[in-house]
Amino acid sequence: MKPTRDNGLADRRKAQTDAKKALLENFKAAKLAAEATGADRQAERQAISAAREERRAERDRLKSEERERQLAEAAAISAAADAEARAEAETREAAERKRISSVVEYEAQRKAERDRRYAARKARK
């Protein structure tokens, strides 16, 4: 059995004061430890945040480069299509001019032949 102790008022008050002092010391020690680890955690959070911001900036840069590349590609395709359309139009116009010149030449030959026949007929009379 435990030896019984007669706890008087003074003993209980002393025990209470000692317990409060121990709790306060424990609280202060925990607070100091928390501040030290809190600073570490804060530094870690800042490092993570900086890394996250860097990754976001890199993503944005890549997206803008991709967008610029696509715009340049679209502009090149558009320029090629315009050049092709221009070349096709020039080809059509050249073919039309050739056809017109051949028609004009044919009409001139017909007129010359008609005039020759007319002159031959007049010469016979």
C-alpha atoms as a PDB file:
ATOM      1  CA  MET A   1       0.000   0.000   0.000  1.00  0.00           C
ATOM      2  CA  LYS A   2       0.869   3.580  -0.589  1.00  0.00           C
ATOM      3  CA  PRO A   3       1.860   5.534   2.336  1.00  0.00           C
ATOM      4  CA  THR A   4      -0.863   7.962   3.056  1.00  0.00           C
ATOM      5  CA  ARG A   5       0.019  11.533   3.108  1.00  0.00           C
ATOM      6  CA  ASP A   6      -1.831  14.102   4.953  1.00  0.00           C
ATOM      7  CA  ASN A   7      -2.355  16.836   2.412  1.00  0.00           C
ATOM      8  CA  GLY A   8      -2.946  19.991   4.203  1.00  0.00           C
ATOM      9  CA  LEU A   9      -4.041  23.237   2.600  1.00  0.00           C
ATOM     10  CA  ALA A  10      -0.482  24.543   2.297  1.00  0.00           C
ATOM     11  CA  ASP A  11       0.663  21.321   0.573  1.00  0.00           C
ATOM     12  CA  ARG A  12      -2.207  21.423  -1.885  1.00  0.00           C
ATOM     13  CA  ARG A  13      -1.586  25.104  -2.675  1.00  0.00           C
ATOM     14  CA  LYS A  14       2.117  24.424  -3.206  1.00  0.00           C
ATOM     15  CA  ALA A  15       1.318  21.483  -5.483  1.00  0.00           C
ATOM     16  CA  GLN A  16      -1.127  23.657  -7.423  1.00  0.00           C
ATOM     17  CA  THR A  17       1.450  26.448  -7.807  1.00  0.00           C
ATOM     18  CA  ASP A  18       4.115  23.969  -8.897  1.00  0.00           C
ATOM     19  CA  ALA A  19       1.712  22.418 -11.425  1.00  0.00           C
ATOM     20  CA  LYS A  20       0.808  25.859 -12.829  1.00  0.00           C
ATOM     21  CA  LYS A  21       4.500  26.763 -13.112  1.00  0.00           C
ATOM     22  CA  ALA A  22       5.185  23.463 -14.906  1.00  0.00           C
ATOM     23  CA  LEU A  23       2.269  24.050 -17.295  1.00  0.00           C
ATOM     24  CA  LEU A  24       3.464  27.587 -17.976  1.00  0.00           C
ATOM     25  CA  GLU A  25       7.026  26.410 -18.628  1.00  0.00           C
ATOM     26  CA  ASN A  26       5.748  23.663 -20.907  1.00  0.00           C
ATOM     27  CA  PHE A  27       3.577  26.205 -22.750  1.00  0.00           C
ATOM     28  CA  LYS A  28       6.531  28.598 -23.174  1.00  0.00           C
ATOM     29  CA  ALA A  29       8.778  25.786 -24.405  1.00  0.00           C
ATOM     30  CA  ALA A  30       6.107  24.609 -26.837  1.00  0.00           C
ATOM     31  CA  LYS A  31       5.612  28.185 -28.033  1.00  0.00           C
ATOM     32  CA  LEU A  32       9.346  28.617 -28.684  1.00  0.00           C
ATOM     33  CA  ALA A  33       9.467  25.294 -30.515  1.00  0.00           C
ATOM     34  CA  ALA A  34       6.394  26.256 -32.515  1.00  0.00           C
ATOM     35  CA  GLU A  35       7.961  29.590 -33.435  1.00  0.00           C
ATOM     36  CA  ALA A  36      11.097  27.831 -34.637  1.00  0.00           C
ATOM     37  CA  THR A  37       9.158  25.253 -36.625  1.00  0.00           C
ATOM     38  CA  GLY A  38       6.696  27.950 -37.679  1.00  0.00           C
ATOM     39  CA  ALA A  39       9.523  29.950 -39.220  1.00  0.00           C
ATOM     40  CA  ASP A  40      10.706  26.783 -40.950  1.00  0.00           C
ATOM     41  CA  ARG A  41       7.178  26.075 -42.159  1.00  0.00           C
ATOM     42  CA  GLN A  42       6.779  29.670 -43.314  1.00  0.00           C
ATOM     43  CA  ALA A  43      10.038  29.454 -45.275  1.00  0.00           C
ATOM     44  CA  GLU A  44       8.914  26.147 -46.747  1.00  0.00           C
ATOM     45  CA  ARG A  45       5.538  27.651 -47.728  1.00  0.00           C
ATOM     46  CA  GLN A  46       7.268  30.599 -49.355  1.00  0.00           C
ATOM     47  CA  ALA A  47       9.575  28.273 -51.289  1.00  0.00           C
ATOM     48  CA  ILE A  48       6.598  26.207 -52.440  1.00  0.00           C
ATOM     49  CA  SER A  49       4.729  29.364 -53.424  1.00  0.00           C
ATOM     50  CA  ALA A  50       7.727  30.682 -55.356  1.00  0.00           C
ATOM     51  CA  ALA A  51       8.113  27.344 -57.153  1.00  0.00           C
ATOM     52  CA  ARG A  52       4.383  27.311 -57.957  1.00  0.00           C
ATOM     53  CA  GLU A  53       4.588  30.866 -59.327  1.00  0.00           C
ATOM     54  CA  GLU A  54       7.628  29.926 -61.411  1.00  0.00           C
ATOM     55  CA  ARG A  55       5.817  26.905 -62.867  1.00  0.00           C
ATOM     56  CA  ARG A  56       2.771  29.067 -63.658  1.00  0.00           C
ATOM     57  CA  ALA A  57       4.985  31.662 -65.379  1.00  0.00           C
ATOM     58  CA  GLU A  58       6.656  28.891 -67.392  1.00  0.00           C
ATOM     59  CA  ARG A  59       3.236  27.482 -68.386  1.00  0.00           C
ATOM     60  CA  ASP A  60       2.051  30.945 -69.433  1.00  0.00           C
ATOM     61  CA  ARG A  61       5.237  31.510 -71.436  1.00  0.00           C
ATOM     62  CA  LEU A  62       4.845  28.154 -73.193  1.00  0.00           C
ATOM     63  CA  LYS A  63       1.183  28.875 -73.921  1.00  0.00           C
ATOM     64  CA  SER A  64       1.994  32.285 -75.384  1.00  0.00           C
ATOM     65  CA  GLU A  65       4.805  30.796 -77.495  1.00  0.00           C
ATOM     66  CA  GLU A  66       2.443  28.078 -78.745  1.00  0.00           C
ATOM     67  CA  ARG A  67      -0.229  30.698 -79.511  1.00  0.00           C
ATOM     68  CA  GLU A  68       2.330  32.822 -81.406  1.00  0.00           C
ATOM     69  CA  ARG A  69       3.529  29.751 -83.305  1.00  0.00           C
ATOM     70  CA  GLN A  70      -0.036  28.865 -84.264  1.00  0.00           C
ATOM     71  CA  LEU A  71      -0.726  32.442 -85.369  1.00  0.00           C
ATOM     72  CA  ALA A  72       2.454  32.469 -87.457  1.00  0.00           C
ATOM     73  CA  GLU A  73       1.530  29.099 -88.945  1.00  0.00           C
ATOM     74  CA  ALA A  74      -1.982  30.329 -89.746  1.00  0.00           C
ATOM     75  CA  ALA A  75      -0.544  33.489 -91.312  1.00  0.00           C
ATOM     76  CA  ALA A  76       1.838  31.391 -93.438  1.00  0.00           C
ATOM     77  CA  ILE A  77      -1.009  29.124 -94.540  1.00  0.00           C
ATOM     78  CA  SER A  78      -3.147  32.166 -95.338  1.00  0.00           C
ATOM     79  CA  ALA A  79      -0.315  33.777 -97.306  1.00  0.00           C
ATOM     80  CA  ALA A  80       0.243  30.538 -99.238  1.00  0.00           C
ATOM     81  CA  ALA A  81      -3.482  30.280 -99.995  1.00  0.00           C
ATOM     82  CA  ASP A  82      -3.542  33.925-101.139  1.00  0.00           C
ATOM     83  CA  ALA A  83      -0.503  33.361-103.363  1.00  0.00           C
ATOM     84  CA  GLU A  84      -2.109  30.238-104.820  1.00  0.00           C
ATOM     85  CA  ALA A  85      -5.369  32.098-105.455  1.00  0.00           C
ATOM     86  CA  ARG A  86      -3.439  34.968-107.086  1.00  0.00           C
ATOM     87  CA  ALA A  87      -1.511  32.538-109.277  1.00  0.00           C
ATOM     88  CA  GLU A  88      -4.719  30.783-110.259  1.00  0.00           C
ATOM     89  CA  ALA A  89      -6.387  34.097-111.090  1.00  0.00           C
ATOM     90  CA  GLU A  90      -3.382  35.168-113.169  1.00  0.00           C
ATOM     91  CA  THR A  91      -3.474  31.844-115.002  1.00  0.00           C
ATOM     92  CA  ARG A  92      -7.193  32.283-115.710  1.00  0.00           C
ATOM     93  CA  GLU A  93      -6.620  35.848-116.921  1.00  0.00           C
ATOM     94  CA  ALA A  94      -3.731  34.737-119.148  1.00  0.00           C
ATOM     95  CA  ALA A  95      -5.894  31.974-120.609  1.00  0.00           C
ATOM     96  CA  GLU A  96      -8.727  34.474-121.166  1.00  0.00           C
ATOM     97  CA  ARG A  97      -6.340  36.952-122.857  1.00  0.00           C
ATOM     98  CA  LYS A  98      -4.962  34.152-125.051  1.00  0.00           C
ATOM     99  CA  ARG A  99      -8.471  33.067-126.027  1.00  0.00           C
ATOM    100  CA  ILE A 100      -9.463  36.649-126.786  1.00  0.00           C
ATOM    101  CA  SER A 101      -6.330  37.225-128.863  1.00  0.00           C
ATOM    102  CA  SER A 102      -6.933  33.975-130.772  1.00  0.00           C
ATOM    103  CA  VAL A 103     -10.549  35.019-131.449  1.00  0.00           C
ATOM    104  CA  VAL A 104      -9.389  38.459-132.619  1.00  0.00           C
ATOM    105  CA  GLU A 105      -6.713  36.854-134.813  1.00  0.00           C
ATOM    106  CA  TYR A 106      -9.266  34.423-136.263  1.00  0.00           C
ATOM    107  CA  GLU A 107     -11.659  37.269-137.000  1.00  0.00           C
ATOM    108  CA  ALA A 108      -8.829  39.200-138.678  1.00  0.00           C
ATOM    109  CA  GLN A 109      -8.008  36.152-140.843  1.00  0.00           C
ATOM    110  CA  ARG A 110     -11.684  35.759-141.778  1.00  0.00           C
ATOM    111  CA  LYS A 111     -11.916  39.421-142.708  1.00  0.00           C
ATOM    112  CA  ALA A 112      -8.725  39.201-144.753  1.00  0.00           C
ATOM    113  CA  GLU A 113     -10.082  36.120-146.580  1.00  0.00           C
ATOM    114  CA  ARG A 114     -13.417  37.856-147.184  1.00  0.00           C
ATOM    115  CA  ASP A 115     -11.646  40.954-148.478  1.00  0.00           C
ATOM    116  CA  ARG A 116      -9.480  38.766-150.746  1.00  0.00           C
ATOM    117  CA  ARG A 117     -12.563  37.040-152.162  1.00  0.00           C
ATOM    118  CA  TYR A 118     -14.302  40.388-152.616  1.00  0.00           C
ATOM    119  CA  ALA A 119     -11.249  41.797-154.440  1.00  0.00           C
ATOM    120  CA  ALA A 120     -11.041  38.674-156.619  1.00  0.00           C
ATOM    121  CA  ARG A 121     -14.732  38.993-157.512  1.00  0.00           C
ATOM    122  CA  LYS A 122     -14.327  42.670-158.381  1.00  0.00           C
ATOM    123  CA  ALA A 123     -11.254  41.846-160.460  1.00  0.00           C
ATOM    124  CA  ARG A 124     -13.235  39.296-162.517  1.00  0.00           C
ATOM    125  CA  LYS A 125     -15.925  41.794-163.503  1.00  0.00           C
END
